[in-house]
């Protein structure tokens, strides 16, 4: 029970932070995607278990899970006892060293990309080496951008000449138009629903629109009421 409570607390903390940020107006899909940390939370099972054991020991509760009978699955003769093929593939993959590509210069990278495009002419465009070289020159500036909006401003506004090199510019524009949350619209409809419930019998469309504007802009309405209560009609404005 203590383990479930501790795990649910951490899960609800992540959900609450995501819910608060999704209600902001300047939220994009990239920020919303960063909030999806529940998949990574699966890897922290040992951390949650150790914290729960420490908490249970502090409270004097039982610190061991109940053991159940192990299920035996029938194994066929053609099945492997362990996945040796995955282990072999992993050992073969370790032979590929990406450090040589990361430490290569611009000229070496351009020549390697050109040879690759010549060998795979049907799959890779001839302009790919120049695009790759341009991308590497803007790599440091791209890494400094904090959001997709800043990246789109850098490519479209600050450097419009390289927009033809980066084919993702159109994807950036489509990405920025995708809605993430409808919290602002939900607030407006919630205000209208509250007003309708209180004044349903004497409600007209014009009055409903006016009360909705006053409810949404309540701070400005309070300032106007305060100004009217002070009776400062004859006071000269500076």
C-alpha atoms as a PDB file:
ATOM      1  CA  UNK A   1       0.000   0.000   0.000  1.00  0.00           C
ATOM      2  CA  UNK A   2       2.810   2.406   0.864  1.00  0.00           C
ATOM      3  CA  UNK A   3       4.508   1.624  -2.434  1.00  0.00           C
ATOM      4  CA  UNK A   4       1.327   2.370  -4.407  1.00  0.00           C
ATOM      5  CA  UNK A   5       0.761   5.642  -2.543  1.00  0.00           C
ATOM      6  CA  UNK A   6       4.339   6.757  -3.141  1.00  0.00           C
ATOM      7  CA  UNK A   7       4.167   5.881  -6.831  1.00  0.00           C
ATOM      8  CA  UNK A   8       0.786   7.559  -7.333  1.00  0.00           C
ATOM      9  CA  UNK A   9       2.111  10.700  -5.634  1.00  0.00           C
ATOM     10  CA  UNK A  10       5.003  10.971  -8.070  1.00  0.00           C
ATOM     11  CA  UNK A  11       2.733  10.269 -11.051  1.00  0.00           C
ATOM     12  CA  UNK A  12       0.208  12.911  -9.983  1.00  0.00           C
ATOM     13  CA  UNK A  13       3.013  15.446  -9.493  1.00  0.00           C
ATOM     14  CA  UNK A  14       4.044  14.976 -13.129  1.00  0.00           C
ATOM     15  CA  UNK A  15       0.433  15.200 -14.308  1.00  0.00           C
ATOM     16  CA  UNK A  16      -0.209  18.353 -12.266  1.00  0.00           C
ATOM     17  CA  UNK A  17       2.853  20.114 -13.706  1.00  0.00           C
ATOM     18  CA  UNK A  18       1.777  19.155 -17.218  1.00  0.00           C
ATOM     19  CA  UNK A  19      -1.782  20.352 -16.598  1.00  0.00           C
ATOM     20  CA  UNK A  20      -0.605  23.733 -15.315  1.00  0.00           C
ATOM     21  CA  UNK A  21       1.694  24.329 -18.282  1.00  0.00           C
ATOM     22  CA  UNK A  22      -0.834  23.194 -20.872  1.00  0.00           C
ATOM     23  CA  UNK A  23      -3.170  25.974 -19.715  1.00  0.00           C
ATOM     24  CA  UNK A  24      -0.661  28.662 -20.718  1.00  0.00           C
ATOM     25  CA  UNK A  25      -1.222  30.581 -23.942  1.00  0.00           C
ATOM     26  CA  UNK A  26       2.388  30.447 -25.193  1.00  0.00           C
ATOM     27  CA  UNK A  27       2.724  26.665 -25.003  1.00  0.00           C
ATOM     28  CA  UNK A  28       3.762  24.791 -28.128  1.00  0.00           C
ATOM     29  CA  UNK A  29       3.813  21.097 -28.913  1.00  0.00           C
ATOM     30  CA  UNK A  30       7.523  20.765 -28.136  1.00  0.00           C
ATOM     31  CA  UNK A  31       7.029  22.000 -24.564  1.00  0.00           C
ATOM     32  CA  UNK A  32       4.042  19.724 -24.191  1.00  0.00           C
ATOM     33  CA  UNK A  33       6.083  16.786 -25.489  1.00  0.00           C
ATOM     34  CA  UNK A  34       8.776  17.438 -22.871  1.00  0.00           C
ATOM     35  CA  UNK A  35       6.147  16.981 -20.165  1.00  0.00           C
ATOM     36  CA  UNK A  36       5.510  13.375 -21.166  1.00  0.00           C
ATOM     37  CA  UNK A  37       7.865  11.895 -18.588  1.00  0.00           C
ATOM     38  CA  UNK A  38       5.709   8.985 -17.493  1.00  0.00           C
ATOM     39  CA  UNK A  39       7.478   6.663 -19.939  1.00  0.00           C
ATOM     40  CA  UNK A  40      10.812   7.599 -18.363  1.00  0.00           C
ATOM     41  CA  UNK A  41       9.277   7.095 -14.930  1.00  0.00           C
ATOM     42  CA  UNK A  42       9.101   3.364 -15.665  1.00  0.00           C
ATOM     43  CA  UNK A  43      12.887   3.208 -15.509  1.00  0.00           C
ATOM     44  CA  UNK A  44      12.875   4.653 -11.974  1.00  0.00           C
ATOM     45  CA  UNK A  45      11.217   1.647 -10.366  1.00  0.00           C
ATOM     46  CA  UNK A  46      14.256   0.901  -8.203  1.00  0.00           C
ATOM     47  CA  UNK A  47      14.396   4.494  -6.934  1.00  0.00           C
ATOM     48  CA  UNK A  48      10.728   4.450  -5.943  1.00  0.00           C
ATOM     49  CA  UNK A  49      11.155   1.047  -4.332  1.00  0.00           C
ATOM     50  CA  UNK A  50      14.161   2.144  -2.245  1.00  0.00           C
ATOM     51  CA  UNK A  51      12.364   5.328  -1.139  1.00  0.00           C
ATOM     52  CA  UNK A  52       9.293   3.285  -0.187  1.00  0.00           C
ATOM     53  CA  UNK A  53      11.369   0.781   1.782  1.00  0.00           C
ATOM     54  CA  UNK A  54      13.026   3.584   3.722  1.00  0.00           C
ATOM     55  CA  UNK A  55       9.636   5.134   4.451  1.00  0.00           C
ATOM     56  CA  UNK A  56       8.150   1.790   5.519  1.00  0.00           C
ATOM     57  CA  UNK A  57      11.112   1.087   7.809  1.00  0.00           C
ATOM     58  CA  UNK A  58      10.667   4.517   9.374  1.00  0.00           C
ATOM     59  CA  UNK A  59       7.002   3.806  10.082  1.00  0.00           C
ATOM     60  CA  UNK A  60       7.647   0.243  11.254  1.00  0.00           C
ATOM     61  CA  UNK A  61       5.632  -1.380   8.462  1.00  0.00           C
ATOM     62  CA  UNK A  62       6.347  -4.540   6.502  1.00  0.00           C
ATOM     63  CA  UNK A  63       9.144  -4.033   3.978  1.00  0.00           C
ATOM     64  CA  UNK A  64       8.739  -7.144   1.825  1.00  0.00           C
ATOM     65  CA  UNK A  65       6.319  -7.897  -0.972  1.00  0.00           C
ATOM     66  CA  UNK A  66       4.117 -10.956  -0.857  1.00  0.00           C
ATOM     67  CA  UNK A  67       5.524 -13.751  -2.996  1.00  0.00           C
ATOM     68  CA  UNK A  68       3.271 -15.653  -5.383  1.00  0.00           C
ATOM     69  CA  UNK A  69       3.698 -18.942  -7.190  1.00  0.00           C
ATOM     70  CA  UNK A  70       5.778 -18.627 -10.330  1.00  0.00           C
ATOM     71  CA  UNK A  71       3.943 -19.360 -13.549  1.00  0.00           C
ATOM     72  CA  UNK A  72       5.478 -21.973 -15.806  1.00  0.00           C
ATOM     73  CA  UNK A  73       5.112 -21.378 -19.520  1.00  0.00           C
ATOM     74  CA  UNK A  74       5.312 -24.306 -21.881  1.00  0.00           C
ATOM     75  CA  UNK A  75       8.382 -24.002 -24.089  1.00  0.00           C
ATOM     76  CA  UNK A  76       8.477 -25.498 -27.559  1.00  0.00           C
ATOM     77  CA  UNK A  77      11.471 -27.320 -28.939  1.00  0.00           C
ATOM     78  CA  UNK A  78      12.272 -24.634 -31.539  1.00  0.00           C
ATOM     79  CA  UNK A  79      12.402 -21.749 -29.058  1.00  0.00           C
ATOM     80  CA  UNK A  80      15.656 -20.323 -27.759  1.00  0.00           C
ATOM     81  CA  UNK A  81      16.389 -20.320 -24.068  1.00  0.00           C
ATOM     82  CA  UNK A  82      17.756 -16.795 -24.376  1.00  0.00           C
ATOM     83  CA  UNK A  83      17.807 -14.191 -27.089  1.00  0.00           C
ATOM     84  CA  UNK A  84      21.327 -14.764 -28.359  1.00  0.00           C
ATOM     85  CA  UNK A  85      20.597 -13.078 -31.661  1.00  0.00           C
ATOM     86  CA  UNK A  86      19.918  -9.734 -29.964  1.00  0.00           C
ATOM     87  CA  UNK A  87      23.180  -9.980 -28.056  1.00  0.00           C
ATOM     88  CA  UNK A  88      25.108 -10.695 -31.236  1.00  0.00           C
ATOM     89  CA  UNK A  89      23.463  -7.769 -33.015  1.00  0.00           C
ATOM     90  CA  UNK A  90      24.327  -5.493 -30.122  1.00  0.00           C
ATOM     91  CA  UNK A  91      27.963  -6.572 -30.191  1.00  0.00           C
ATOM     92  CA  UNK A  92      28.075  -5.976 -33.943  1.00  0.00           C
ATOM     93  CA  UNK A  93      26.554  -2.534 -33.530  1.00  0.00           C
ATOM     94  CA  UNK A  94      29.297  -1.539 -31.106  1.00  0.00           C
ATOM     95  CA  UNK A  95      31.815  -1.839 -33.943  1.00  0.00           C
ATOM     96  CA  UNK A  96      30.357   1.290 -35.553  1.00  0.00           C
ATOM     97  CA  UNK A  97      32.115   4.290 -34.024  1.00  0.00           C
ATOM     98  CA  UNK A  98      30.271   7.618 -34.577  1.00  0.00           C
ATOM     99  CA  UNK A  99      33.179   9.600 -33.142  1.00  0.00           C
ATOM    100  CA  UNK A 100      34.880   9.703 -36.542  1.00  0.00           C
ATOM    101  CA  UNK A 101      31.877  11.501 -38.025  1.00  0.00           C
ATOM    102  CA  UNK A 102      31.590  13.922 -35.122  1.00  0.00           C
ATOM    103  CA  UNK A 103      35.274  14.879 -35.288  1.00  0.00           C
ATOM    104  CA  UNK A 104      35.402  15.252 -39.069  1.00  0.00           C
ATOM    105  CA  UNK A 105      35.988  18.665 -40.620  1.00  0.00           C
ATOM    106  CA  UNK A 106      33.732  20.488 -43.048  1.00  0.00           C
ATOM    107  CA  UNK A 107      35.708  19.439 -46.124  1.00  0.00           C
ATOM    108  CA  UNK A 108      35.851  15.776 -45.104  1.00  0.00           C
ATOM    109  CA  UNK A 109      32.167  15.790 -44.249  1.00  0.00           C
ATOM    110  CA  UNK A 110      31.279  17.419 -47.575  1.00  0.00           C
ATOM    111  CA  UNK A 111      33.324  14.890 -49.569  1.00  0.00           C
ATOM    112  CA  UNK A 112      31.859  11.956 -47.649  1.00  0.00           C
ATOM    113  CA  UNK A 113      28.316  13.230 -48.217  1.00  0.00           C
ATOM    114  CA  UNK A 114      29.070  13.804 -51.907  1.00  0.00           C
ATOM    115  CA  UNK A 115      30.356  10.254 -52.338  1.00  0.00           C
ATOM    116  CA  UNK A 116      27.276   8.966 -50.528  1.00  0.00           C
ATOM    117  CA  UNK A 117      24.916  10.944 -52.790  1.00  0.00           C
ATOM    118  CA  UNK A 118      26.730   9.712 -55.906  1.00  0.00           C
ATOM    119  CA  UNK A 119      26.473   6.106 -54.762  1.00  0.00           C
ATOM    120  CA  UNK A 120      22.769   6.393 -53.876  1.00  0.00           C
ATOM    121  CA  UNK A 121      21.568   8.705 -56.628  1.00  0.00           C
ATOM    122  CA  UNK A 122      18.010   7.429 -56.536  1.00  0.00           C
ATOM    123  CA  UNK A 123      17.586   8.027 -52.811  1.00  0.00           C
ATOM    124  CA  UNK A 124      19.747  11.093 -52.019  1.00  0.00           C
ATOM    125  CA  UNK A 125      19.477  14.416 -53.852  1.00  0.00           C
ATOM    126  CA  UNK A 126      22.647  16.010 -55.320  1.00  0.00           C
ATOM    127  CA  UNK A 127      22.121  19.100 -53.137  1.00  0.00           C
ATOM    128  CA  UNK A 128      22.332  17.075 -49.921  1.00  0.00           C
ATOM    129  CA  UNK A 129      26.100  17.689 -49.333  1.00  0.00           C
ATOM    130  CA  UNK A 130      25.644  21.470 -49.493  1.00  0.00           C
ATOM    131  CA  UNK A 131      22.644  21.246 -47.185  1.00  0.00           C
ATOM    132  CA  UNK A 132      24.607  19.129 -44.737  1.00  0.00           C
ATOM    133  CA  UNK A 133      27.488  21.617 -44.729  1.00  0.00           C
ATOM    134  CA  UNK A 134      25.080  24.496 -44.121  1.00  0.00           C
ATOM    135  CA  UNK A 135      23.470  22.618 -41.265  1.00  0.00           C
ATOM    136  CA  UNK A 136      26.818  22.050 -39.572  1.00  0.00           C
ATOM    137  CA  UNK A 137      27.654  25.763 -39.810  1.00  0.00           C
ATOM    138  CA  UNK A 138      24.406  26.640 -37.994  1.00  0.00           C
ATOM    139  CA  UNK A 139      24.733  23.822 -35.483  1.00  0.00           C
ATOM    140  CA  UNK A 140      25.894  26.020 -32.588  1.00  0.00           C
ATOM    141  CA  UNK A 141      23.194  28.630 -33.196  1.00  0.00           C
ATOM    142  CA  UNK A 142      20.496  25.971 -33.416  1.00  0.00           C
ATOM    143  CA  UNK A 143      21.647  24.433 -30.133  1.00  0.00           C
ATOM    144  CA  UNK A 144      21.180  27.786 -28.354  1.00  0.00           C
ATOM    145  CA  UNK A 145      17.504  28.079 -29.322  1.00  0.00           C
ATOM    146  CA  UNK A 146      15.128  27.242 -26.496  1.00  0.00           C
ATOM    147  CA  UNK A 147      11.939  26.559 -28.451  1.00  0.00           C
ATOM    148  CA  UNK A 148      10.637  25.888 -31.935  1.00  0.00           C
ATOM    149  CA  UNK A 149       9.399  29.483 -32.133  1.00  0.00           C
ATOM    150  CA  UNK A 150      12.926  30.825 -31.574  1.00  0.00           C
ATOM    151  CA  UNK A 151      14.318  28.376 -34.123  1.00  0.00           C
ATOM    152  CA  UNK A 152      11.754  29.437 -36.729  1.00  0.00           C
ATOM    153  CA  UNK A 153      12.532  33.127 -36.086  1.00  0.00           C
ATOM    154  CA  UNK A 154      16.253  32.478 -36.495  1.00  0.00           C
ATOM    155  CA  UNK A 155      15.830  30.671 -39.825  1.00  0.00           C
ATOM    156  CA  UNK A 156      13.041  32.762 -41.352  1.00  0.00           C
ATOM    157  CA  UNK A 157      13.617  36.271 -39.941  1.00  0.00           C
ATOM    158  CA  UNK A 158      17.333  36.457 -39.119  1.00  0.00           C
ATOM    159  CA  UNK A 159      18.651  34.253 -41.962  1.00  0.00           C
ATOM    160  CA  UNK A 160      16.040  34.181 -44.744  1.00  0.00           C
ATOM    161  CA  UNK A 161      18.661  33.188 -47.341  1.00  0.00           C
ATOM    162  CA  UNK A 162      19.122  29.720 -45.828  1.00  0.00           C
ATOM    163  CA  UNK A 163      15.430  28.862 -45.761  1.00  0.00           C
ATOM    164  CA  UNK A 164      15.827  26.989 -49.049  1.00  0.00           C
ATOM    165  CA  UNK A 165      18.586  24.872 -47.517  1.00  0.00           C
ATOM    166  CA  UNK A 166      16.485  23.857 -44.530  1.00  0.00           C
ATOM    167  CA  UNK A 167      13.560  21.936 -45.933  1.00  0.00           C
ATOM    168  CA  UNK A 168      11.953  21.834 -42.484  1.00  0.00           C
ATOM    169  CA  UNK A 169      10.946  25.527 -42.626  1.00  0.00           C
ATOM    170  CA  UNK A 170       7.529  24.605 -43.993  1.00  0.00           C
ATOM    171  CA  UNK A 171       7.250  21.997 -41.254  1.00  0.00           C
ATOM    172  CA  UNK A 172       8.104  24.700 -38.687  1.00  0.00           C
ATOM    173  CA  UNK A 173       5.269  26.879 -39.959  1.00  0.00           C
ATOM    174  CA  UNK A 174       2.825  23.985 -39.807  1.00  0.00           C
ATOM    175  CA  UNK A 175       4.163  23.014 -36.391  1.00  0.00           C
ATOM    176  CA  UNK A 176       3.528  26.485 -34.966  1.00  0.00           C
ATOM    177  CA  UNK A 177      -0.069  26.493 -36.196  1.00  0.00           C
ATOM    178  CA  UNK A 178      -0.967  23.224 -34.473  1.00  0.00           C
ATOM    179  CA  UNK A 179      -3.026  23.887 -31.320  1.00  0.00           C
ATOM    180  CA  UNK A 180      -1.829  22.366 -28.072  1.00  0.00           C
ATOM    181  CA  UNK A 181      -4.530  23.413 -25.647  1.00  0.00           C
ATOM    182  CA  UNK A 182      -7.911  25.112 -25.785  1.00  0.00           C
ATOM    183  CA  UNK A 183      -7.720  26.467 -22.247  1.00  0.00           C
ATOM    184  CA  UNK A 184      -8.439  30.058 -23.313  1.00  0.00           C
ATOM    185  CA  UNK A 185     -11.573  29.041 -25.201  1.00  0.00           C
ATOM    186  CA  UNK A 186     -12.658  26.816 -22.338  1.00  0.00           C
ATOM    187  CA  UNK A 187     -12.375  29.740 -19.918  1.00  0.00           C
ATOM    188  CA  UNK A 188     -14.632  31.868 -22.119  1.00  0.00           C
ATOM    189  CA  UNK A 189     -17.267  29.142 -22.365  1.00  0.00           C
ATOM    190  CA  UNK A 190     -17.009  28.489 -18.626  1.00  0.00           C
ATOM    191  CA  UNK A 191     -17.734  32.152 -17.934  1.00  0.00           C
ATOM    192  CA  UNK A 192     -20.750  32.048 -20.242  1.00  0.00           C
ATOM    193  CA  UNK A 193     -22.012  28.908 -18.527  1.00  0.00           C
ATOM    194  CA  UNK A 194     -21.745  30.519 -15.081  1.00  0.00           C
ATOM    195  CA  UNK A 195     -23.580  33.626 -16.230  1.00  0.00           C
ATOM    196  CA  UNK A 196     -26.321  31.574 -17.879  1.00  0.00           C
ATOM    197  CA  UNK A 197     -26.925  29.549 -14.737  1.00  0.00           C
ATOM    198  CA  UNK A 198     -27.358  32.636 -12.545  1.00  0.00           C
ATOM    199  CA  UNK A 199     -29.354  34.810 -14.962  1.00  0.00           C
ATOM    200  CA  UNK A 200     -31.091  32.321 -17.210  1.00  0.00           C
ATOM    201  CA  UNK A 201     -34.611  33.779 -16.804  1.00  0.00           C
ATOM    202  CA  UNK A 202     -33.750  37.373 -17.812  1.00  0.00           C
ATOM    203  CA  UNK A 203     -30.974  36.732 -20.280  1.00  0.00           C
ATOM    204  CA  UNK A 204     -30.686  38.127 -23.786  1.00  0.00           C
ATOM    205  CA  UNK A 205     -27.954  37.734 -26.383  1.00  0.00           C
ATOM    206  CA  UNK A 206     -26.729  41.323 -26.093  1.00  0.00           C
ATOM    207  CA  UNK A 207     -26.681  41.241 -22.315  1.00  0.00           C
ATOM    208  CA  UNK A 208     -24.999  37.853 -22.350  1.00  0.00           C
ATOM    209  CA  UNK A 209     -22.189  39.165 -24.561  1.00  0.00           C
ATOM    210  CA  UNK A 210     -21.741  42.246 -22.371  1.00  0.00           C
ATOM    211  CA  UNK A 211     -21.615  40.262 -19.143  1.00  0.00           C
ATOM    212  CA  UNK A 212     -19.179  37.806 -20.706  1.00  0.00           C
ATOM    213  CA  UNK A 213     -16.812  40.650 -21.630  1.00  0.00           C
ATOM    214  CA  UNK A 214     -17.112  42.118 -18.116  1.00  0.00           C
ATOM    215  CA  UNK A 215     -16.441  38.722 -16.567  1.00  0.00           C
ATOM    216  CA  UNK A 216     -13.375  38.102 -18.712  1.00  0.00           C
ATOM    217  CA  UNK A 217     -12.013  41.654 -18.323  1.00  0.00           C
ATOM    218  CA  UNK A 218     -12.886  41.834 -14.633  1.00  0.00           C
ATOM    219  CA  UNK A 219      -9.674  43.645 -13.662  1.00  0.00           C
ATOM    220  CA  UNK A 220     -10.379  46.555 -15.981  1.00  0.00           C
ATOM    221  CA  UNK A 221     -13.997  46.617 -14.841  1.00  0.00           C
ATOM    222  CA  UNK A 222     -12.869  46.931 -11.203  1.00  0.00           C
ATOM    223  CA  UNK A 223     -10.643  49.873 -12.115  1.00  0.00           C
ATOM    224  CA  UNK A 224     -13.566  51.587 -13.845  1.00  0.00           C
ATOM    225  CA  UNK A 225     -15.805  51.012 -10.817  1.00  0.00           C
ATOM    226  CA  UNK A 226     -13.120  52.406  -8.525  1.00  0.00           C
ATOM    227  CA  UNK A 227     -12.774  55.463 -10.746  1.00  0.00           C
ATOM    228  CA  UNK A 228     -16.555  55.999 -10.722  1.00  0.00           C
ATOM    229  CA  UNK A 229     -16.795  55.680  -6.928  1.00  0.00           C
ATOM    230  CA  UNK A 230     -14.172  58.354  -6.347  1.00  0.00           C
ATOM    231  CA  UNK A 231     -16.258  60.930  -8.297  1.00  0.00           C
ATOM    232  CA  UNK A 232     -13.246  62.438  -9.983  1.00  0.00           C
ATOM    233  CA  UNK A 233     -15.044  63.737 -13.036  1.00  0.00           C
ATOM    234  CA  UNK A 234     -13.810  67.288 -12.531  1.00  0.00           C
ATOM    235  CA  UNK A 235     -10.252  66.330 -11.638  1.00  0.00           C
ATOM    236  CA  UNK A 236      -7.817  67.458 -14.346  1.00  0.00           C
ATOM    237  CA  UNK A 237      -5.776  64.731 -15.987  1.00  0.00           C
ATOM    238  CA  UNK A 238      -2.012  65.162 -16.117  1.00  0.00           C
END
